[in-house]
Amino acid sequence: MTEQKPPELDDKSFELTPKGLSDEERRARLGKLKNYLDYYQERFLGYQVNQDLHAIREDLSHFLGVHTNNIGDPYVDSNLATHTKPLEKAVLKRYAELWGISPYDRSSEKAWKSAWGYVLSMGSSEGNVYGLLNARDYLSGKILLANPGDDPGLLMSQAAASAPYLDTPAKRANALQPVAFFSQDSHYSVAKAAHTLAIPTFGEVGNKYYSGSHEYQTCGYQDGWPAEIPSNADGSINIDRLVTTVDFFARKGHPVLVVCNLGTTFKGAYDNVGQIAKRLQKEVFDRYSMGEREFAVNTKGGTPIKDKRRAFWIHVDGALGASYLPYLKKAHDAGMLGDEKVDIPDFDFRIKQVSSIVTSGHKYPGSPWACGIYMTRREFEIQPPPMAAYVASPDTTFAGSRNGFSPIVLWNQLARYSEEEQVRRIAASVKLARQTYLKLKDLGKRLDKDLRPGYTPETLSVQFLQPNERIVRKYSLASVPIDETTTLCHLFVMPHVTEDGALKSLLEDLETDPAAFKQDGAGGQAAPPVEYQASETADWQALLGTNRGFM
């Protein structure tokens, strides 16, 4: 039986005129949009988005008729009364508990040692920008909320000047110039954020100032400094290479900004943040006295205040994994994932070196639009711009106006599913991802074709040879060329994915379509993704490296 032609959208159907559309025409167009979205939502496999959103439609449709705006600090009410900050604070408290840090309590004497954060209006890309902004200002000596003043400057006390970190004029000159480190599997938003905020990467600084072969070769590089730290085969960062490279730049006096990943874009891999922090502390931070540097903050009264800060910042891009890894760890410890002995890495604020974490709410637990959580330690929060009188809440966030609906969605998801249910859901997704990988291996044997199946244990990503364009489109599969002749795609087994639904349909298509893996023009392997051709002056290709990423 011939499969029904999938619905598609065309620009002409949705063109608008000064007269608008009649009610009949408008409803017809919306009906066409509904059919299109329903079709592809039912078959959605290729991206890290949870499409299990029916409960949100049932529970929260009323709130679509209200403009909710959480402008300003989540912990300070604004004059805009239609906000949802109590729900936002409840969500932040829950994430603080999951991530091993005391929730913020303004009345507590230990408030500065607790968490601060906010619900993002964008996804983790916004959180990465704000995390790197926070890191840049912290490491370069800008004003913190904890010690407000006019202008900072490095206080070269006798003790600081004699420390290994600041023992030469050259090193002191670098003391306010942070350098960023991230892996080649990092999401492109990290490089984009560094570029936007003028935070140089180690590759940029190295090739400009330390370009001798004896310098980069001591870190294991053969042809100059690369744009990113190399990754392992599973997509996780090469920790040995990271430590060696960070050591080189710390030795030159630079403060360091390290970005770790939890759920890389293509392979879903987790960087072992705990191991990274432990090795950097022992082999770099302690060696160069990077735990506490003294700053002098010039106050409005003219009396400098001494401030001690770290010379490092570890930011965790947990866009995919930071929301569910606490549950996955519980599932693993309870034996719910089978006999495999795979360590779920520690990543959160229980690790004292971790400074900030970001996660995407639309990936997990799920939202109809992009949103997320940014969180840092309250003591590291940067000084906001002057408060706008008409808002009556300090703008400590990145976005300004922030939609108040995302906190409702996240609150409802966390209220609807208990921790026990969350543990069961993520365990089921991980086991189904593992089963899908095995089924793809078996399918390749039956087809007598190497489908290049790939799977990193305890992740949600499964990779395989890219099929033809029809199948790619039908299941919204994301593709990446790995060499001149081969393109791989991946699927993510998010909680909405079931064994008898889209996965079963995909496997049947791969097995029964005779043109599923043909690479000629007629049968249809889809063309490799179009890459942005940047100008040479922008140097975006060097900044973005090999990973263009998705979501």
Protein backbone atom coordinates (compact mmCIF):
# COMPACT_ATOMS: atom_id res chain seq x y z
CA MET A 1 0.00 0.00 0.00
CA THR A 2 1.33 3.39 -1.02
CA GLU A 3 2.01 5.69 1.90
CA GLN A 4 -0.06 8.84 2.05
CA LYS A 5 1.87 11.92 0.95
CA PRO A 6 2.95 13.83 4.06
CA PRO A 7 1.46 17.30 4.56
CA GLU A 8 3.68 20.27 3.79
CA LEU A 9 3.45 24.01 4.25
CA ASP A 10 3.82 26.56 1.47
CA ASP A 11 4.52 30.26 1.89
CA LYS A 12 1.71 31.39 -0.38
CA SER A 13 -1.03 29.86 1.77
CA PHE A 14 -0.02 32.02 4.72
CA GLU A 15 0.56 35.34 3.01
CA LEU A 16 -1.19 38.27 4.69
CA THR A 17 -2.83 41.32 3.15
CA PRO A 18 -3.88 44.65 4.66
CA LYS A 19 -7.44 43.29 4.74
CA GLY A 20 -6.47 40.20 6.73
CA LEU A 21 -8.44 37.00 6.16
CA SER A 22 -12.02 36.00 6.68
CA ASP A 23 -12.76 33.74 9.65
CA GLU A 24 -13.29 30.82 7.27
CA GLU A 25 -9.99 31.42 5.48
CA ARG A 26 -8.08 31.94 8.71
CA ARG A 27 -9.42 28.73 10.27
CA ALA A 28 -8.65 26.80 7.10
CA ARG A 29 -5.01 27.99 7.19
CA LEU A 30 -4.70 27.13 10.88
CA GLY A 31 -6.21 23.72 10.16
CA LYS A 32 -3.53 23.17 7.53
CA LEU A 33 -0.86 24.14 10.06
CA LYS A 34 -2.36 21.79 12.64
CA ASN A 35 -2.32 18.83 10.24
CA TYR A 36 1.30 19.54 9.34
CA LEU A 37 2.50 19.82 12.94
CA ASP A 38 0.48 16.80 14.12
CA TYR A 39 2.03 14.64 11.40
CA TYR A 40 5.62 15.53 12.20
CA GLN A 41 5.16 15.60 15.96
CA GLU A 42 3.94 12.00 15.83
CA ARG A 43 7.13 10.96 13.99
CA PHE A 44 9.62 13.26 15.71
CA LEU A 45 12.92 11.51 16.45
CA GLY A 46 15.94 13.53 15.37
CA TYR A 47 16.35 16.30 17.92
CA GLN A 48 16.71 16.59 21.68
CA VAL A 49 13.17 17.79 22.31
CA ASN A 50 10.51 16.11 24.43
CA GLN A 51 7.25 16.17 22.46
CA ASP A 52 5.18 14.65 25.31
CA LEU A 53 3.24 17.88 25.82
CA HIS A 54 -0.41 16.84 25.80
CA ALA A 55 -0.77 17.43 29.55
CA ILE A 56 0.46 21.00 29.09
CA ARG A 57 -2.27 21.61 26.53
CA GLU A 58 -4.87 20.23 28.94
CA ASP A 59 -3.61 21.98 32.07
CA LEU A 60 -2.38 25.37 30.92
CA SER A 61 -4.37 26.55 27.90
CA HIS A 62 -6.14 29.22 29.97
CA PHE A 63 -2.86 31.05 30.66
CA LEU A 64 -2.29 31.64 26.95
CA GLY A 65 -4.89 34.38 27.24
CA VAL A 66 -2.77 36.41 29.67
CA HIS A 67 0.45 38.28 29.00
CA THR A 68 2.81 37.16 31.77
CA ASN A 69 6.17 38.88 32.10
CA ASN A 70 8.85 38.12 34.69
CA ILE A 71 11.08 41.10 33.94
CA GLY A 72 13.84 41.66 36.45
CA ASP A 73 15.21 39.51 39.24
CA PRO A 74 13.13 36.40 40.04
CA TYR A 75 13.44 37.12 43.76
CA VAL A 76 12.22 40.74 43.57
CA ASP A 77 8.64 41.49 42.53
CA SER A 78 8.18 44.15 39.86
CA ASN A 79 5.41 46.66 39.25
CA LEU A 80 4.22 44.50 36.38
CA ALA A 81 1.66 42.53 38.33
CA THR A 82 0.93 39.78 35.77
CA HIS A 83 4.10 37.88 36.59
CA THR A 84 4.67 34.28 37.70
CA LYS A 85 7.71 34.74 39.95
CA PRO A 86 6.41 32.53 42.80
CA LEU A 87 6.33 29.60 40.34
CA GLU A 88 9.72 30.59 38.96
CA LYS A 89 11.22 30.60 42.47
CA ALA A 90 9.69 27.19 43.16
CA VAL A 91 11.27 25.79 39.98
CA LEU A 92 14.64 27.32 40.85
CA LYS A 93 14.46 25.88 44.36
CA ARG A 94 13.79 22.42 42.95
CA TYR A 95 16.73 22.63 40.55
CA ALA A 96 19.00 23.90 43.32
CA GLU A 97 18.05 20.84 45.37
CA LEU A 98 18.69 18.54 42.40
CA TRP A 99 22.05 20.21 41.76
CA GLY A 100 23.32 20.04 45.33
CA ILE A 101 23.23 23.66 46.49
CA SER A 102 21.15 25.53 49.07
CA PRO A 103 18.20 27.35 47.47
CA TYR A 104 18.35 31.11 47.72
CA ASP A 105 16.76 32.57 50.86
CA ARG A 106 17.10 36.35 51.22
CA SER A 107 16.52 36.15 54.96
CA SER A 108 19.29 33.63 55.58
CA GLU A 109 22.66 34.69 56.95
CA LYS A 110 24.20 32.27 54.42
CA ALA A 111 22.36 33.74 51.42
CA TRP A 112 25.64 34.56 49.68
CA LYS A 113 26.59 30.87 49.78
CA SER A 114 23.35 29.73 48.17
CA ALA A 115 22.15 29.50 44.56
CA TRP A 116 20.96 32.27 42.30
CA GLY A 117 19.43 31.81 38.88
CA TYR A 118 16.49 32.48 36.62
CA VAL A 119 14.27 30.82 34.01
CA LEU A 120 15.57 31.61 30.53
CA SER A 121 13.36 33.02 27.78
CA MET A 122 15.55 31.28 25.21
CA GLY A 123 17.14 27.86 25.50
CA SER A 124 20.59 27.09 26.85
CA SER A 125 22.19 29.33 24.24
CA GLU A 126 21.01 32.28 26.33
CA GLY A 127 22.30 30.57 29.45
CA ASN A 128 25.68 30.00 27.81
CA VAL A 129 25.92 33.68 26.88
CA TYR A 130 25.02 34.76 30.39
CA GLY A 131 27.28 32.15 32.01
CA LEU A 132 30.26 33.28 29.94
CA LEU A 133 29.39 36.94 30.61
CA ASN A 134 29.31 36.20 34.34
CA ALA A 135 32.62 34.34 34.03
CA ARG A 136 34.29 37.10 32.01
CA ASP A 137 33.31 39.84 34.46
CA TYR A 138 34.20 37.74 37.49
CA LEU A 139 37.62 36.71 36.15
CA SER A 140 38.50 40.17 34.85
CA GLY A 141 37.75 41.84 38.17
CA LYS A 142 34.42 43.55 37.48
CA ILE A 143 32.01 44.52 40.23
CA LEU A 144 30.08 41.75 41.96
CA LEU A 145 26.73 42.11 43.66
CA ALA A 146 28.41 41.03 46.89
CA ASN A 147 30.74 44.06 46.95
CA PRO A 148 29.30 46.95 44.92
CA GLY A 149 31.61 49.78 43.91
CA ASP A 150 32.76 51.94 41.04
CA ASP A 151 35.81 50.41 39.42
CA PRO A 152 37.90 47.33 40.16
CA GLY A 153 41.63 46.87 39.85
CA LEU A 154 44.00 44.06 40.66
CA LEU A 155 45.53 44.57 44.09
CA MET A 156 49.17 43.60 43.81
CA SER A 157 49.88 42.88 47.44
CA GLN A 158 53.24 41.47 48.43
CA ALA A 159 51.67 38.06 48.97
CA ALA A 160 49.95 38.08 45.60
CA ALA A 161 53.03 39.32 43.77
CA SER A 162 55.11 36.48 45.15
CA ALA A 163 52.59 33.78 44.27
CA PRO A 164 53.50 31.49 41.34
CA TYR A 165 50.45 32.72 39.45
CA LEU A 166 51.59 36.38 39.48
CA ASP A 167 55.34 36.21 39.81
CA THR A 168 56.40 38.14 36.69
CA PRO A 169 55.25 41.38 35.00
CA ALA A 170 54.10 39.34 31.97
CA LYS A 171 51.90 37.17 34.13
CA ARG A 172 50.49 40.18 35.95
CA ALA A 173 49.64 41.73 32.57
CA ASN A 174 47.60 38.61 31.70
CA ALA A 175 45.86 38.46 35.08
CA LEU A 176 42.66 40.14 33.86
CA GLN A 177 42.54 38.42 30.44
CA PRO A 178 40.52 35.18 30.76
CA VAL A 179 40.95 32.46 28.14
CA ALA A 180 38.16 30.04 27.15
CA PHE A 181 38.50 26.26 26.74
CA PHE A 182 35.83 23.96 25.28
CA SER A 183 35.77 20.76 23.26
CA GLN A 184 35.19 20.18 19.57
CA ASP A 185 31.87 18.53 20.47
CA SER A 186 30.61 21.61 22.30
CA HIS A 187 27.46 23.25 20.99
CA TYR A 188 28.17 26.09 18.57
CA SER A 189 26.54 28.57 20.97
CA VAL A 190 29.62 28.35 23.21
CA ALA A 191 31.94 29.62 20.47
CA LYS A 192 29.27 32.12 19.46
CA ALA A 193 29.01 33.42 23.03
CA ALA A 194 32.79 33.70 23.38
CA HIS A 195 32.96 35.64 20.10
CA THR A 196 30.06 37.93 21.07
CA LEU A 197 31.58 38.70 24.47
CA ALA A 198 35.14 39.11 23.12
CA ILE A 199 36.44 36.25 25.29
CA PRO A 200 39.41 34.83 23.38
CA THR A 201 39.74 31.09 23.06
CA PHE A 202 43.02 29.36 23.84
CA GLY A 203 43.46 28.79 20.11
CA GLU A 204 43.19 32.49 19.33
CA VAL A 205 45.53 33.54 22.15
CA GLY A 206 47.96 30.72 21.45
CA ASN A 207 48.27 31.38 17.73
CA LYS A 208 48.67 35.11 18.33
CA TYR A 209 51.10 35.15 21.25
CA TYR A 210 52.48 31.63 21.74
CA SER A 211 52.90 30.35 18.20
CA GLY A 212 56.28 28.68 18.56
CA SER A 213 56.28 24.96 17.81
CA HIS A 214 57.98 24.28 21.13
CA GLU A 215 54.96 25.86 22.82
CA TYR A 216 52.00 24.16 21.14
CA GLN A 217 53.84 20.88 20.69
CA THR A 218 54.39 20.65 24.44
CA CYS A 219 50.58 20.40 24.68
CA GLY A 220 50.42 17.66 22.06
CA TYR A 221 49.43 19.77 19.01
CA GLN A 222 51.36 19.41 15.77
CA ASP A 223 50.15 22.19 13.45
CA GLY A 224 49.53 25.14 15.73
CA TRP A 225 46.87 25.67 18.36
CA PRO A 226 43.44 24.22 17.43
CA ALA A 227 40.14 26.03 17.91
CA GLU A 228 38.91 23.54 20.53
CA ILE A 229 40.10 20.81 22.86
CA PRO A 230 39.98 17.42 21.08
CA SER A 231 37.21 14.97 21.96
CA ASN A 232 37.34 11.24 22.59
CA ALA A 233 35.63 8.79 20.24
CA ASP A 234 32.47 8.84 22.36
CA GLY A 235 32.17 12.65 22.12
CA SER A 236 33.43 13.49 25.63
CA ILE A 237 36.31 15.91 26.11
CA ASN A 238 39.87 14.58 26.18
CA ILE A 239 40.70 15.33 29.81
CA ASP A 240 44.46 14.76 29.47
CA ARG A 241 44.66 17.28 26.63
CA LEU A 242 42.42 19.73 28.51
CA VAL A 243 44.58 19.65 31.64
CA THR A 244 47.83 20.02 29.68
CA THR A 245 46.44 22.96 27.69
CA VAL A 246 44.94 24.75 30.68
CA ASP A 247 48.24 24.33 32.51
CA PHE A 248 50.11 26.09 29.70
CA PHE A 249 47.88 29.18 29.78
CA ALA A 250 47.64 29.27 33.57
CA ARG A 251 51.45 29.24 33.64
CA LYS A 252 51.33 32.37 31.47
CA GLY A 253 49.14 34.08 34.08
CA HIS A 254 45.74 33.85 32.37
CA PRO A 255 42.57 33.17 34.35
CA VAL A 256 40.78 30.23 32.74
CA LEU A 257 37.18 29.61 31.69
CA VAL A 258 36.43 25.92 31.13
CA VAL A 259 33.14 24.78 29.56
CA CYS A 260 32.05 21.18 30.14
CA ASN A 261 29.23 19.37 28.31
CA LEU A 262 26.45 17.14 29.58
CA GLY A 263 24.85 15.59 26.52
CA THR A 264 26.87 16.64 23.49
CA THR A 265 25.02 17.71 20.39
CA PHE A 266 25.50 14.65 18.22
CA LYS A 267 26.53 11.72 20.42
CA GLY A 268 24.85 12.81 23.65
CA ALA A 269 28.10 12.26 25.58
CA TYR A 270 28.76 13.50 29.12
CA ASP A 271 32.02 15.12 30.16
CA ASN A 272 33.20 13.81 33.51
CA VAL A 273 33.01 17.15 35.32
CA GLY A 274 34.03 15.70 38.66
CA GLN A 275 37.21 14.18 37.26
CA ILE A 276 37.97 17.35 35.29
CA ALA A 277 37.62 19.51 38.41
CA LYS A 278 39.71 17.16 40.54
CA ARG A 279 42.58 17.00 38.08
CA LEU A 280 42.58 20.72 37.32
CA GLN A 281 42.56 21.53 41.02
CA LYS A 282 45.48 19.21 41.80
CA GLU A 283 47.58 19.73 38.68
CA VAL A 284 46.88 23.39 37.81
CA PHE A 285 44.89 25.47 40.27
CA ASP A 286 46.92 24.52 43.34
CA ARG A 287 50.21 24.75 41.48
CA TYR A 288 49.61 28.36 40.40
CA SER A 289 47.74 29.57 43.50
CA MET A 290 44.54 30.14 41.50
CA GLY A 291 42.19 29.55 44.42
CA GLU A 292 42.23 33.12 45.73
CA ARG A 293 43.45 36.30 44.07
CA GLU A 294 43.17 39.67 45.76
CA PHE A 295 41.37 42.55 44.07
CA ALA A 296 40.87 46.12 45.19
CA VAL A 297 37.36 47.41 44.50
CA ASN A 298 37.16 51.20 44.59
CA THR A 299 33.96 52.07 46.42
CA LYS A 300 31.90 55.21 45.99
CA GLY A 301 33.29 56.45 49.29
CA GLY A 302 36.81 56.20 47.93
CA THR A 303 37.99 53.45 50.28
CA PRO A 304 39.15 50.31 48.45
CA ILE A 305 37.67 47.02 49.58
CA LYS A 306 39.75 43.90 49.25
CA ASP A 307 38.08 41.07 47.38
CA LYS A 308 39.39 37.54 46.94
CA ARG A 309 38.39 35.56 43.90
CA ARG A 310 39.30 32.43 42.00
CA ALA A 311 41.33 32.59 38.82
CA PHE A 312 39.12 29.94 37.20
CA TRP A 313 35.50 29.39 36.26
CA ILE A 314 33.94 26.04 35.30
CA HIS A 315 30.69 26.40 33.39
CA VAL A 316 28.56 23.30 32.72
CA ASP A 317 26.54 23.33 29.52
CA GLY A 318 23.95 20.79 30.59
CA ALA A 319 21.42 21.75 27.94
CA LEU A 320 20.37 18.14 27.48
CA GLY A 321 21.68 16.23 30.49
CA ALA A 322 21.63 18.47 33.55
CA SER A 323 17.84 18.18 33.95
CA TYR A 324 17.70 14.38 33.93
CA LEU A 325 21.13 13.16 35.10
CA PRO A 326 20.16 13.42 38.79
CA TYR A 327 17.26 11.05 38.04
CA LEU A 328 19.39 8.81 35.83
CA LYS A 329 21.95 8.47 38.60
CA LYS A 330 19.22 7.31 40.98
CA ALA A 331 18.00 4.83 38.35
CA HIS A 332 21.51 3.50 37.87
CA ASP A 333 22.15 3.17 41.61
CA ALA A 334 18.83 1.33 41.98
CA GLY A 335 19.81 -1.21 39.31
CA MET A 336 17.05 -0.10 36.93
CA LEU A 337 19.39 0.07 33.91
CA GLY A 338 20.50 -3.55 33.94
CA ASP A 339 23.88 -5.07 34.69
CA GLU A 340 26.06 -2.51 32.91
CA LYS A 341 28.45 -0.79 35.33
CA VAL A 342 28.69 2.67 33.84
CA ASP A 343 29.42 5.64 36.06
CA ILE A 344 27.02 8.55 35.74
CA PRO A 345 29.37 11.53 36.14
CA ASP A 346 29.05 14.03 38.95
CA PHE A 347 28.57 17.51 37.51
CA ASP A 348 26.78 19.87 39.87
CA PHE A 349 27.43 22.33 42.69
CA ARG A 350 28.53 19.54 45.00
CA ILE A 351 31.77 19.97 43.07
CA LYS A 352 33.20 23.12 44.65
CA GLN A 353 34.97 24.20 41.44
CA VAL A 354 31.72 24.37 39.42
CA SER A 355 30.63 27.98 39.05
CA SER A 356 27.55 27.86 36.81
CA ILE A 357 25.17 25.40 35.16
CA VAL A 358 22.62 25.78 32.38
CA THR A 359 19.94 23.40 31.11
CA SER A 360 17.15 23.50 28.51
CA GLY A 361 13.59 22.97 29.71
CA HIS A 362 12.26 22.12 26.24
CA LYS A 363 14.60 19.13 26.07
CA TYR A 364 13.76 17.83 29.50
CA PRO A 365 11.24 17.81 31.12
CA GLY A 366 9.57 19.36 28.03
CA SER A 367 8.01 22.63 26.87
CA PRO A 368 6.17 23.87 23.75
CA TRP A 369 8.92 26.46 23.21
CA ALA A 370 12.56 27.01 24.03
CA CYS A 371 13.30 27.79 27.67
CA GLY A 372 15.79 26.79 30.33
CA ILE A 373 17.48 27.37 33.67
CA TYR A 374 20.63 29.32 34.44
CA MET A 375 22.14 28.95 37.90
CA THR A 376 25.29 30.13 39.62
CA ARG A 377 26.56 30.59 43.14
CA ARG A 378 25.10 33.74 44.66
CA GLU A 379 28.54 34.96 45.70
CA PHE A 380 29.57 35.09 42.01
CA GLU A 381 26.55 37.07 40.77
CA ILE A 382 27.60 40.14 38.81
CA GLN A 383 26.41 43.67 39.54
CA PRO A 384 23.33 44.52 37.41
CA PRO A 385 22.77 47.85 35.63
CA PRO A 386 20.96 50.58 37.61
CA MET A 387 17.38 49.63 38.43
CA ALA A 388 14.74 51.06 36.12
CA ALA A 389 12.26 52.90 38.31
CA TYR A 390 9.25 51.88 36.24
CA VAL A 391 10.09 48.17 36.68
CA ALA A 392 11.06 48.31 40.38
CA SER A 393 13.12 45.12 40.11
CA PRO A 394 16.87 44.93 39.41
CA ASP A 395 17.60 43.53 35.96
CA THR A 396 20.01 40.81 37.02
CA THR A 397 19.06 38.62 34.04
CA PHE A 398 20.19 38.71 30.42
CA ALA A 399 16.88 39.05 28.62
CA GLY A 400 15.10 42.01 30.18
CA SER A 401 11.47 41.09 29.54
CA ARG A 402 11.14 37.38 30.18
CA ASN A 403 8.08 35.34 29.33
CA GLY A 404 6.22 34.26 32.44
CA PHE A 405 4.71 31.20 30.79
CA SER A 406 7.87 29.09 30.84
CA PRO A 407 7.95 28.99 34.67
CA ILE A 408 4.33 27.81 34.59
CA VAL A 409 5.22 25.03 32.16
CA LEU A 410 8.27 23.87 34.12
CA TRP A 411 6.42 24.12 37.42
CA ASN A 412 3.56 22.02 36.02
CA GLN A 413 5.94 19.36 34.70
CA LEU A 414 7.75 19.09 38.04
CA ALA A 415 4.46 19.10 39.95
CA ARG A 416 2.80 16.53 37.71
CA TYR A 417 5.60 13.93 37.84
CA SER A 418 7.08 12.86 41.15
CA GLU A 419 10.79 12.21 41.48
CA GLU A 420 10.06 8.47 41.43
CA GLU A 421 8.17 8.86 38.14
CA GLN A 422 10.98 11.00 36.68
CA VAL A 423 13.46 8.26 37.56
CA ARG A 424 11.30 5.63 35.84
CA ARG A 425 10.78 7.79 32.74
CA ILE A 426 14.45 8.51 32.10
CA ALA A 427 15.43 4.91 32.84
CA ALA A 428 12.91 3.72 30.25
CA SER A 429 14.28 6.19 27.66
CA VAL A 430 17.89 5.11 28.20
CA LYS A 431 17.00 1.41 27.96
CA LEU A 432 15.00 2.05 24.78
CA ALA A 433 17.93 3.93 23.24
CA ARG A 434 20.17 0.96 23.98
CA GLN A 435 17.64 -1.44 22.44
CA THR A 436 17.33 0.73 19.34
CA TYR A 437 21.08 0.64 18.82
CA LEU A 438 21.03 -3.17 19.02
CA LYS A 439 18.12 -3.34 16.57
CA LEU A 440 20.05 -1.17 14.10
CA LYS A 441 23.04 -3.51 14.38
CA ASP A 442 20.76 -6.47 13.71
CA LEU A 443 19.08 -4.66 10.81
CA GLY A 444 22.47 -4.02 9.22
CA LYS A 445 23.22 -7.75 9.33
CA ARG A 446 19.91 -8.58 7.68
CA LEU A 447 20.46 -5.96 4.97
CA ASP A 448 24.13 -6.99 4.63
CA LYS A 449 25.06 -3.34 4.96
CA ASP A 450 27.18 -1.44 7.46
CA LEU A 451 24.72 1.04 8.93
CA ARG A 452 27.48 2.52 11.12
CA PRO A 453 25.39 2.27 14.32
CA GLY A 454 26.75 4.16 17.29
CA TYR A 455 25.71 4.54 20.91
CA THR A 456 27.39 5.97 24.00
CA PRO A 457 26.25 4.08 27.13
CA GLU A 458 23.59 5.70 29.31
CA THR A 459 22.80 8.43 26.77
CA LEU A 460 19.71 9.09 24.65
CA SER A 461 21.47 9.46 21.28
CA VAL A 462 21.71 6.71 18.64
CA GLN A 463 23.66 7.31 15.43
CA PHE A 464 23.51 5.50 12.08
CA LEU A 465 24.14 5.96 8.37
CA GLN A 466 21.96 8.69 6.91
CA PRO A 467 19.06 7.29 4.87
CA ASN A 468 17.39 8.94 1.89
CA GLU A 469 15.81 12.36 1.94
CA ARG A 470 12.23 11.05 2.31
CA ILE A 471 13.07 9.19 5.54
CA VAL A 472 15.18 12.04 6.90
CA ARG A 473 12.29 14.45 6.39
CA LYS A 474 9.61 12.10 7.71
CA TYR A 475 11.36 11.60 11.07
CA SER A 476 13.09 15.02 11.35
CA LEU A 477 16.49 13.34 11.48
CA ALA A 478 19.56 15.54 12.03
CA SER A 479 22.62 14.79 9.91
CA VAL A 480 26.34 15.54 10.05
CA PRO A 481 28.94 14.70 7.36
CA ILE A 482 31.88 12.90 8.98
CA ASP A 483 34.04 12.73 5.85
CA GLU A 484 33.79 13.36 2.12
CA THR A 485 31.78 10.20 1.43
CA THR A 486 29.81 9.47 4.60
CA THR A 487 27.07 11.31 6.43
CA LEU A 488 25.63 10.06 9.71
CA CYS A 489 22.36 11.01 11.32
CA HIS A 490 21.10 10.57 14.84
CA LEU A 491 17.90 10.15 16.76
CA PHE A 492 17.18 10.96 20.39
CA VAL A 493 14.99 8.69 22.47
CA MET A 494 13.24 11.38 24.47
CA PRO A 495 10.34 10.49 26.82
CA HIS A 496 7.73 10.91 24.06
CA VAL A 497 9.38 8.15 21.98
CA THR A 498 7.89 4.68 22.34
CA GLU A 499 8.98 1.31 20.98
CA ASP A 500 5.72 0.76 19.08
CA GLY A 501 5.47 4.28 17.68
CA ALA A 502 7.88 6.26 15.52
CA LEU A 503 10.84 3.96 16.28
CA LYS A 504 9.00 0.91 14.92
CA SER A 505 7.92 2.85 11.87
CA LEU A 506 11.46 4.10 11.21
CA LEU A 507 12.99 0.63 11.44
CA GLU A 508 10.33 -0.72 9.07
CA ASP A 509 11.08 2.07 6.58
CA LEU A 510 14.81 1.40 6.75
CA GLU A 511 14.24 -2.31 6.11
CA THR A 512 11.51 -2.22 3.46
CA ASP A 513 12.39 0.84 1.37
CA PRO A 514 14.74 -0.46 -1.36
CA ALA A 515 16.08 3.07 -1.81
CA ALA A 516 16.57 3.72 1.90
CA PHE A 517 20.35 3.96 1.67
CA LYS A 518 20.91 4.68 -2.00
CA GLN A 519 23.21 7.61 -2.60
CA ASP A 520 22.36 8.36 -6.21
CA GLY A 521 20.32 11.37 -7.23
CA ALA A 522 17.14 9.35 -7.80
CA GLY A 523 17.08 7.22 -4.68
CA GLY A 524 17.83 9.89 -2.52
CA GLN A 525 20.53 10.35 0.07
CA ALA A 526 19.92 13.81 1.38
CA ALA A 527 22.55 16.43 0.70
CA PRO A 528 24.91 17.24 3.55
CA PRO A 529 23.78 20.12 5.77
CA VAL A 530 24.45 23.56 4.37
CA GLU A 531 27.25 25.26 6.26
CA TYR A 532 27.39 29.00 6.79
CA GLN A 533 30.15 30.49 4.65
CA ALA A 534 31.58 33.22 6.86
CA SER A 535 33.86 35.96 5.69
CA GLU A 536 37.57 35.59 6.36
CA THR A 537 37.55 38.67 8.58
CA ALA A 538 34.91 37.19 10.88
CA ASP A 539 36.96 33.99 11.27
CA TRP A 540 33.78 32.11 12.22
CA GLN A 541 34.98 28.81 10.82
CA ALA A 542 37.93 28.87 13.19
CA LEU A 543 35.68 29.85 16.07
CA LEU A 544 33.05 27.23 15.40
CA GLY A 545 35.52 24.48 14.60
CA THR A 546 34.23 21.18 13.25
CA ASN A 547 30.93 21.01 15.12
CA ARG A 548 28.05 23.08 13.78
CA GLY A 549 25.65 21.35 16.12
CA PHE A 550 21.89 21.32 16.54
CA MET A 551 19.44 22.63 19.10
